[in-house]
Amino acid sequence: MKKKTYHYYIRMGIAFSAVLFLYKLTYAYIDPGTTSVVFSTIAYVLAGAAVVFSFLIAPIRKLYKYLKGRLKNKDSDHSGN
């Protein structure tokens, strides 16, 4: 990770100050349909994360069972001698 310098903090302070002091009020309107779009987007993201997680977990479980079985067989071979 790159070390942050003094100039970085100065620039971030200036940017933060600009956001705080140079804003204008906007009288925006959010229509009721926007809420359903936001909720459906959140649902799609969560469903996608669940699918990715399930595809990653299945091979890891198979590898774990395989290695566990190999170690158990190896231990039983040595204990019998």
N, C-alpha and C. Protein backbone atom coordinates (compact mmCIF):
# COMPACT_ATOMS: atom_id res chain seq x y z
N MET A 1 0.84 -1.17 0.00
CA MET A 1 0.00 0.00 0.00
C MET A 1 0.89 1.23 0.00
N LYS A 2 0.54 2.18 -0.78
CA LYS A 2 1.34 3.38 -0.92
C LYS A 2 1.12 4.31 0.27
N LYS A 3 2.22 4.87 0.78
CA LYS A 3 2.13 5.77 1.92
C LYS A 3 1.56 7.12 1.47
N LYS A 4 0.63 7.63 2.24
CA LYS A 4 0.00 8.89 1.90
C LYS A 4 0.87 10.03 2.41
N THR A 5 1.07 11.01 1.57
CA THR A 5 1.95 12.11 1.90
C THR A 5 1.15 13.28 2.46
N TYR A 6 1.88 14.28 2.91
CA TYR A 6 1.30 15.50 3.46
C TYR A 6 0.44 16.20 2.42
N HIS A 7 0.90 16.21 1.17
CA HIS A 7 0.16 16.89 0.09
C HIS A 7 -1.17 16.22 -0.18
N TYR A 8 -1.22 14.92 -0.01
CA TYR A 8 -2.47 14.19 -0.20
C TYR A 8 -3.52 14.69 0.78
N TYR A 9 -3.13 14.82 2.04
CA TYR A 9 -4.07 15.26 3.06
C TYR A 9 -4.50 16.71 2.83
N ILE A 10 -3.59 17.54 2.34
CA ILE A 10 -3.94 18.93 2.02
C ILE A 10 -4.98 18.96 0.90
N ARG A 11 -4.76 18.18 -0.16
CA ARG A 11 -5.70 18.13 -1.28
C ARG A 11 -7.06 17.62 -0.84
N MET A 12 -7.06 16.58 0.00
CA MET A 12 -8.33 16.03 0.46
C MET A 12 -9.06 17.04 1.35
N GLY A 13 -8.33 17.78 2.16
CA GLY A 13 -8.95 18.81 3.00
C GLY A 13 -9.57 19.91 2.17
N ILE A 14 -8.88 20.32 1.11
CA ILE A 14 -9.42 21.35 0.23
C ILE A 14 -10.67 20.85 -0.47
N ALA A 15 -10.64 19.62 -0.95
CA ALA A 15 -11.81 19.05 -1.63
C ALA A 15 -12.99 18.94 -0.67
N PHE A 16 -12.74 18.48 0.53
CA PHE A 16 -13.80 18.35 1.52
C PHE A 16 -14.39 19.71 1.87
N SER A 17 -13.53 20.70 2.03
CA SER A 17 -14.00 22.06 2.33
C SER A 17 -14.84 22.62 1.18
N ALA A 18 -14.41 22.36 -0.05
CA ALA A 18 -15.16 22.83 -1.20
C ALA A 18 -16.55 22.22 -1.24
N VAL A 19 -16.64 20.94 -0.92
CA VAL A 19 -17.95 20.28 -0.92
C VAL A 19 -18.84 20.88 0.15
N LEU A 20 -18.28 21.16 1.31
CA LEU A 20 -19.09 21.69 2.40
C LEU A 20 -19.55 23.13 2.16
N PHE A 21 -18.66 23.96 1.63
CA PHE A 21 -18.96 25.39 1.56
C PHE A 21 -19.48 25.87 0.22
N LEU A 22 -19.32 25.10 -0.83
CA LEU A 22 -19.70 25.56 -2.16
C LEU A 22 -20.92 24.83 -2.72
N TYR A 23 -21.70 24.22 -1.86
CA TYR A 23 -22.87 23.50 -2.36
C TYR A 23 -24.04 24.45 -2.60
N LYS A 24 -24.94 24.02 -3.46
CA LYS A 24 -26.18 24.75 -3.70
C LYS A 24 -27.34 23.80 -3.43
N LEU A 25 -28.39 24.34 -2.90
CA LEU A 25 -29.57 23.51 -2.70
C LEU A 25 -30.20 23.18 -4.05
N THR A 26 -30.54 21.94 -4.22
CA THR A 26 -31.26 21.55 -5.44
C THR A 26 -32.63 21.06 -5.01
N TYR A 27 -33.59 21.50 -5.71
CA TYR A 27 -34.95 21.10 -5.40
C TYR A 27 -35.34 19.97 -6.35
N ALA A 28 -34.78 18.80 -6.07
CA ALA A 28 -35.01 17.65 -6.94
C ALA A 28 -36.23 16.87 -6.44
N TYR A 29 -36.82 16.16 -7.35
CA TYR A 29 -37.98 15.36 -7.04
C TYR A 29 -37.68 13.91 -7.39
N ILE A 30 -37.91 13.01 -6.46
CA ILE A 30 -37.73 11.59 -6.73
C ILE A 30 -39.13 10.99 -6.83
N ASP A 31 -39.44 10.47 -8.00
CA ASP A 31 -40.78 9.93 -8.20
C ASP A 31 -40.91 8.57 -7.52
N PRO A 32 -42.12 8.11 -7.28
CA PRO A 32 -42.33 6.84 -6.56
C PRO A 32 -41.75 5.62 -7.27
N GLY A 33 -41.60 5.66 -8.57
CA GLY A 33 -41.05 4.51 -9.29
C GLY A 33 -39.57 4.28 -9.00
N THR A 34 -38.89 5.32 -8.54
CA THR A 34 -37.47 5.20 -8.25
C THR A 34 -37.22 4.23 -7.10
N THR A 35 -38.10 4.21 -6.14
CA THR A 35 -37.93 3.32 -5.00
C THR A 35 -37.93 1.86 -5.43
N SER A 36 -38.82 1.49 -6.32
CA SER A 36 -38.86 0.11 -6.78
C SER A 36 -37.60 -0.24 -7.57
N VAL A 37 -37.07 0.70 -8.32
CA VAL A 37 -35.83 0.45 -9.06
C VAL A 37 -34.68 0.23 -8.10
N VAL A 38 -34.61 1.04 -7.05
CA VAL A 38 -33.54 0.90 -6.06
C VAL A 38 -33.65 -0.46 -5.36
N PHE A 39 -34.84 -0.84 -4.91
CA PHE A 39 -35.01 -2.11 -4.23
C PHE A 39 -34.73 -3.30 -5.15
N SER A 40 -35.14 -3.22 -6.40
CA SER A 40 -34.87 -4.33 -7.32
C SER A 40 -33.38 -4.42 -7.62
N THR A 41 -32.69 -3.30 -7.68
CA THR A 41 -31.24 -3.34 -7.89
C THR A 41 -30.54 -3.98 -6.71
N ILE A 42 -30.96 -3.64 -5.51
CA ILE A 42 -30.38 -4.26 -4.32
C ILE A 42 -30.64 -5.77 -4.33
N ALA A 43 -31.83 -6.17 -4.71
CA ALA A 43 -32.17 -7.60 -4.76
C ALA A 43 -31.32 -8.33 -5.79
N TYR A 44 -31.09 -7.72 -6.95
CA TYR A 44 -30.26 -8.35 -7.98
C TYR A 44 -28.82 -8.47 -7.52
N VAL A 45 -28.32 -7.47 -6.84
CA VAL A 45 -26.94 -7.52 -6.35
C VAL A 45 -26.80 -8.62 -5.30
N LEU A 46 -27.75 -8.72 -4.39
CA LEU A 46 -27.69 -9.77 -3.37
C LEU A 46 -27.82 -11.16 -3.98
N ALA A 47 -28.70 -11.31 -4.96
CA ALA A 47 -28.85 -12.60 -5.63
C ALA A 47 -27.57 -12.97 -6.39
N GLY A 48 -26.96 -12.00 -7.05
CA GLY A 48 -25.70 -12.26 -7.74
C GLY A 48 -24.59 -12.65 -6.78
N ALA A 49 -24.54 -11.99 -5.63
CA ALA A 49 -23.53 -12.34 -4.63
C ALA A 49 -23.75 -13.76 -4.11
N ALA A 50 -25.01 -14.15 -3.93
CA ALA A 50 -25.31 -15.50 -3.47
C ALA A 50 -24.88 -16.54 -4.50
N VAL A 51 -25.12 -16.26 -5.76
CA VAL A 51 -24.71 -17.20 -6.82
C VAL A 51 -23.19 -17.32 -6.87
N VAL A 52 -22.50 -16.21 -6.83
CA VAL A 52 -21.03 -16.25 -6.86
C VAL A 52 -20.51 -17.00 -5.64
N PHE A 53 -21.08 -16.74 -4.47
CA PHE A 53 -20.66 -17.42 -3.25
C PHE A 53 -20.88 -18.92 -3.36
N SER A 54 -22.02 -19.33 -3.91
CA SER A 54 -22.30 -20.76 -4.02
C SER A 54 -21.35 -21.43 -5.01
N PHE A 55 -20.98 -20.74 -6.09
CA PHE A 55 -20.05 -21.31 -7.05
C PHE A 55 -18.64 -21.39 -6.47
N LEU A 56 -18.31 -20.52 -5.56
CA LEU A 56 -16.98 -20.58 -4.94
C LEU A 56 -16.93 -21.59 -3.81
N ILE A 57 -18.01 -21.77 -3.08
CA ILE A 57 -18.02 -22.67 -1.93
C ILE A 57 -18.00 -24.13 -2.34
N ALA A 58 -18.68 -24.50 -3.41
CA ALA A 58 -18.78 -25.90 -3.80
C ALA A 58 -17.40 -26.52 -4.09
N PRO A 59 -16.53 -25.91 -4.88
CA PRO A 59 -15.21 -26.51 -5.10
C PRO A 59 -14.35 -26.55 -3.83
N ILE A 60 -14.51 -25.56 -2.98
CA ILE A 60 -13.74 -25.55 -1.74
C ILE A 60 -14.16 -26.71 -0.84
N ARG A 61 -15.47 -26.98 -0.77
CA ARG A 61 -15.95 -28.12 0.03
C ARG A 61 -15.43 -29.44 -0.53
N LYS A 62 -15.45 -29.59 -1.87
CA LYS A 62 -14.95 -30.82 -2.47
C LYS A 62 -13.47 -31.01 -2.17
N LEU A 63 -12.69 -29.95 -2.27
CA LEU A 63 -11.27 -30.02 -1.99
C LEU A 63 -11.04 -30.37 -0.52
N TYR A 64 -11.82 -29.79 0.38
CA TYR A 64 -11.69 -30.07 1.80
C TYR A 64 -12.00 -31.54 2.09
N LYS A 65 -13.09 -32.06 1.52
CA LYS A 65 -13.43 -33.47 1.74
C LYS A 65 -12.36 -34.39 1.17
N TYR A 66 -11.84 -34.05 -0.01
CA TYR A 66 -10.80 -34.86 -0.63
C TYR A 66 -9.54 -34.89 0.25
N LEU A 67 -9.11 -33.73 0.70
CA LEU A 67 -7.90 -33.68 1.53
C LEU A 67 -8.12 -34.34 2.89
N LYS A 68 -9.30 -34.20 3.46
CA LYS A 68 -9.62 -34.83 4.73
C LYS A 68 -9.59 -36.36 4.59
N GLY A 69 -10.14 -36.85 3.48
CA GLY A 69 -10.11 -38.29 3.23
C GLY A 69 -8.69 -38.80 3.03
N ARG A 70 -7.87 -38.05 2.31
CA ARG A 70 -6.47 -38.45 2.09
C ARG A 70 -5.70 -38.48 3.41
N LEU A 71 -5.91 -37.47 4.25
CA LEU A 71 -5.20 -37.43 5.52
C LEU A 71 -5.66 -38.55 6.45
N LYS A 72 -6.96 -38.86 6.41
CA LYS A 72 -7.48 -39.94 7.26
C LYS A 72 -6.90 -41.29 6.81
N ASN A 73 -6.84 -41.52 5.49
CA ASN A 73 -6.27 -42.75 4.98
C ASN A 73 -4.79 -42.86 5.30
N LYS A 74 -4.09 -41.76 5.21
CA LYS A 74 -2.66 -41.75 5.50
C LYS A 74 -2.40 -42.08 6.98
N ASP A 75 -3.23 -41.53 7.88
CA ASP A 75 -3.08 -41.80 9.29
C ASP A 75 -3.40 -43.26 9.62
N SER A 76 -4.42 -43.83 8.97
CA SER A 76 -4.79 -45.22 9.26
C SER A 76 -3.73 -46.18 8.71
N ASP A 77 -3.05 -45.84 7.62
CA ASP A 77 -1.98 -46.68 7.09
C ASP A 77 -0.79 -46.73 8.04
N HIS A 78 -0.45 -45.65 8.66
CA HIS A 78 0.69 -45.58 9.55
C HIS A 78 0.40 -46.19 10.91
N SER A 79 -0.82 -46.16 11.36
CA SER A 79 -1.16 -46.70 12.68
C SER A 79 -1.22 -48.23 12.66
N GLY A 80 -1.44 -48.82 11.50
CA GLY A 80 -1.54 -50.26 11.40
C GLY A 80 -0.20 -50.96 11.43
N ASN A 81 0.87 -50.29 11.16
CA ASN A 81 2.20 -50.93 11.15
C ASN A 81 2.71 -51.16 12.48
